[in-house]
Amino acid sequence: MTFFLIIAFALIVVGRLLLRKSLNKLHNEYYRRADERGCAERYESIVRLYNSRDPRVLETAYMEAISCTKAA
């Protein structure tokens, strides 16, 4: 029984690490794109304001950040 608990715990830990890695990769991609458009600081401040690493929140922050460059 403890063997299965150890395996379950290991799967949870590995799953969370993989999730964090994919979210960081997504954040870095949005940051790079925002930097190319000259609004990386705005993207970072919006991400900090939302205080979340949810993929939908990252996309929303990116869209808000680049919206300032469309009019310019």
C-alpha atoms as a PDB file:
ATOM      1  CA  MET A   1       0.000   0.000   0.000  1.00  0.00           C
ATOM      2  CA  THR A   2       2.794   2.458   0.812  1.00  0.00           C
ATOM      3  CA  PHE A   3       4.367   1.666  -2.554  1.00  0.00           C
ATOM      4  CA  PHE A   4       1.264   2.979  -4.324  1.00  0.00           C
ATOM      5  CA  LEU A   5       1.249   6.087  -2.139  1.00  0.00           C
ATOM      6  CA  ILE A   6       4.867   6.774  -3.028  1.00  0.00           C
ATOM      7  CA  ILE A   7       4.130   6.312  -6.731  1.00  0.00           C
ATOM      8  CA  ALA A   8       1.068   8.595  -6.493  1.00  0.00           C
ATOM      9  CA  PHE A   9       3.075  11.234  -4.663  1.00  0.00           C
ATOM     10  CA  ALA A  10       5.867  11.032  -7.242  1.00  0.00           C
ATOM     11  CA  LEU A  11       3.355  11.408 -10.081  1.00  0.00           C
ATOM     12  CA  ILE A  12       1.821  14.461  -8.434  1.00  0.00           C
ATOM     13  CA  VAL A  13       5.223  16.079  -7.925  1.00  0.00           C
ATOM     14  CA  VAL A  14       6.367  15.326 -11.477  1.00  0.00           C
ATOM     15  CA  GLY A  15       3.052  16.534 -12.883  1.00  0.00           C
ATOM     16  CA  ARG A  16       3.301  19.829 -11.031  1.00  0.00           C
ATOM     17  CA  LEU A  17       6.884  20.327 -12.200  1.00  0.00           C
ATOM     18  CA  LEU A  18       5.888  19.686 -15.809  1.00  0.00           C
ATOM     19  CA  LEU A  19       2.959  22.087 -15.478  1.00  0.00           C
ATOM     20  CA  ARG A  20       5.194  24.788 -14.035  1.00  0.00           C
ATOM     21  CA  LYS A  21       7.721  24.257 -16.821  1.00  0.00           C
ATOM     22  CA  SER A  22       5.062  24.588 -19.521  1.00  0.00           C
ATOM     23  CA  LEU A  23       3.611  27.720 -17.907  1.00  0.00           C
ATOM     24  CA  ASN A  24       7.062  29.297 -17.682  1.00  0.00           C
ATOM     25  CA  LYS A  25       7.657  28.451 -21.335  1.00  0.00           C
ATOM     26  CA  LEU A  26       4.342  30.084 -22.274  1.00  0.00           C
ATOM     27  CA  HIS A  27       5.136  33.154 -20.166  1.00  0.00           C
ATOM     28  CA  ASN A  28       8.556  33.474 -21.793  1.00  0.00           C
ATOM     29  CA  GLU A  29       6.988  33.238 -25.254  1.00  0.00           C
ATOM     30  CA  TYR A  30       4.428  35.960 -24.517  1.00  0.00           C
ATOM     31  CA  TYR A  31       7.166  38.098 -22.956  1.00  0.00           C
ATOM     32  CA  ARG A  32       9.357  37.677 -26.056  1.00  0.00           C
ATOM     33  CA  ARG A  33       6.491  38.643 -28.348  1.00  0.00           C
ATOM     34  CA  ALA A  34       5.642  41.661 -26.198  1.00  0.00           C
ATOM     35  CA  ASP A  35       9.301  42.684 -26.185  1.00  0.00           C
ATOM     36  CA  GLU A  36       9.373  42.558 -29.981  1.00  0.00           C
ATOM     37  CA  ARG A  37       6.465  45.011 -30.016  1.00  0.00           C
ATOM     38  CA  GLY A  38       8.075  47.239 -27.387  1.00  0.00           C
ATOM     39  CA  CYS A  39       5.628  46.607 -24.571  1.00  0.00           C
ATOM     40  CA  ALA A  40       7.359  43.984 -22.419  1.00  0.00           C
ATOM     41  CA  GLU A  41       7.278  46.183 -19.314  1.00  0.00           C
ATOM     42  CA  ARG A  42       3.542  46.679 -19.698  1.00  0.00           C
ATOM     43  CA  TYR A  43       3.069  42.908 -20.103  1.00  0.00           C
ATOM     44  CA  GLU A  44       5.074  42.245 -16.930  1.00  0.00           C
ATOM     45  CA  SER A  45       3.121  44.805 -14.931  1.00  0.00           C
ATOM     46  CA  ILE A  46      -0.203  43.334 -16.075  1.00  0.00           C
ATOM     47  CA  VAL A  47       0.933  39.814 -15.159  1.00  0.00           C
ATOM     48  CA  ARG A  48       1.969  41.078 -11.718  1.00  0.00           C
ATOM     49  CA  LEU A  49      -1.362  42.873 -11.350  1.00  0.00           C
ATOM     50  CA  TYR A  50      -3.340  39.714 -12.124  1.00  0.00           C
ATOM     51  CA  ASN A  51      -0.945  37.721  -9.906  1.00  0.00           C
ATOM     52  CA  SER A  52      -1.619  34.503 -11.784  1.00  0.00           C
ATOM     53  CA  ARG A  53       0.125  32.140 -14.146  1.00  0.00           C
ATOM     54  CA  ASP A  54      -3.065  30.712 -15.606  1.00  0.00           C
ATOM     55  CA  PRO A  55      -2.602  30.368 -19.397  1.00  0.00           C
ATOM     56  CA  ARG A  56      -5.761  32.396 -20.051  1.00  0.00           C
ATOM     57  CA  VAL A  57      -4.517  35.185 -17.793  1.00  0.00           C
ATOM     58  CA  LEU A  58      -1.141  35.231 -19.553  1.00  0.00           C
ATOM     59  CA  GLU A  59      -2.859  35.505 -22.914  1.00  0.00           C
ATOM     60  CA  THR A  60      -5.129  38.287 -21.652  1.00  0.00           C
ATOM     61  CA  ALA A  61      -2.136  40.175 -20.257  1.00  0.00           C
ATOM     62  CA  TYR A  62      -0.345  39.834 -23.578  1.00  0.00           C
ATOM     63  CA  MET A  63      -3.383  41.038 -25.527  1.00  0.00           C
ATOM     64  CA  GLU A  64      -3.791  44.032 -23.209  1.00  0.00           C
ATOM     65  CA  ALA A  65      -0.103  44.872 -23.465  1.00  0.00           C
ATOM     66  CA  ILE A  66      -0.033  44.836 -27.268  1.00  0.00           C
ATOM     67  CA  SER A  67      -3.259  46.789 -27.520  1.00  0.00           C
ATOM     68  CA  CYS A  68      -1.275  49.902 -26.592  1.00  0.00           C
ATOM     69  CA  THR A  69       0.930  49.465 -29.678  1.00  0.00           C
ATOM     70  CA  LYS A  70      -1.857  48.987 -32.225  1.00  0.00           C
ATOM     71  CA  ALA A  71      -2.910  52.634 -32.085  1.00  0.00           C
ATOM     72  CA  ALA A  72       0.633  53.897 -32.330  1.00  0.00           C
END
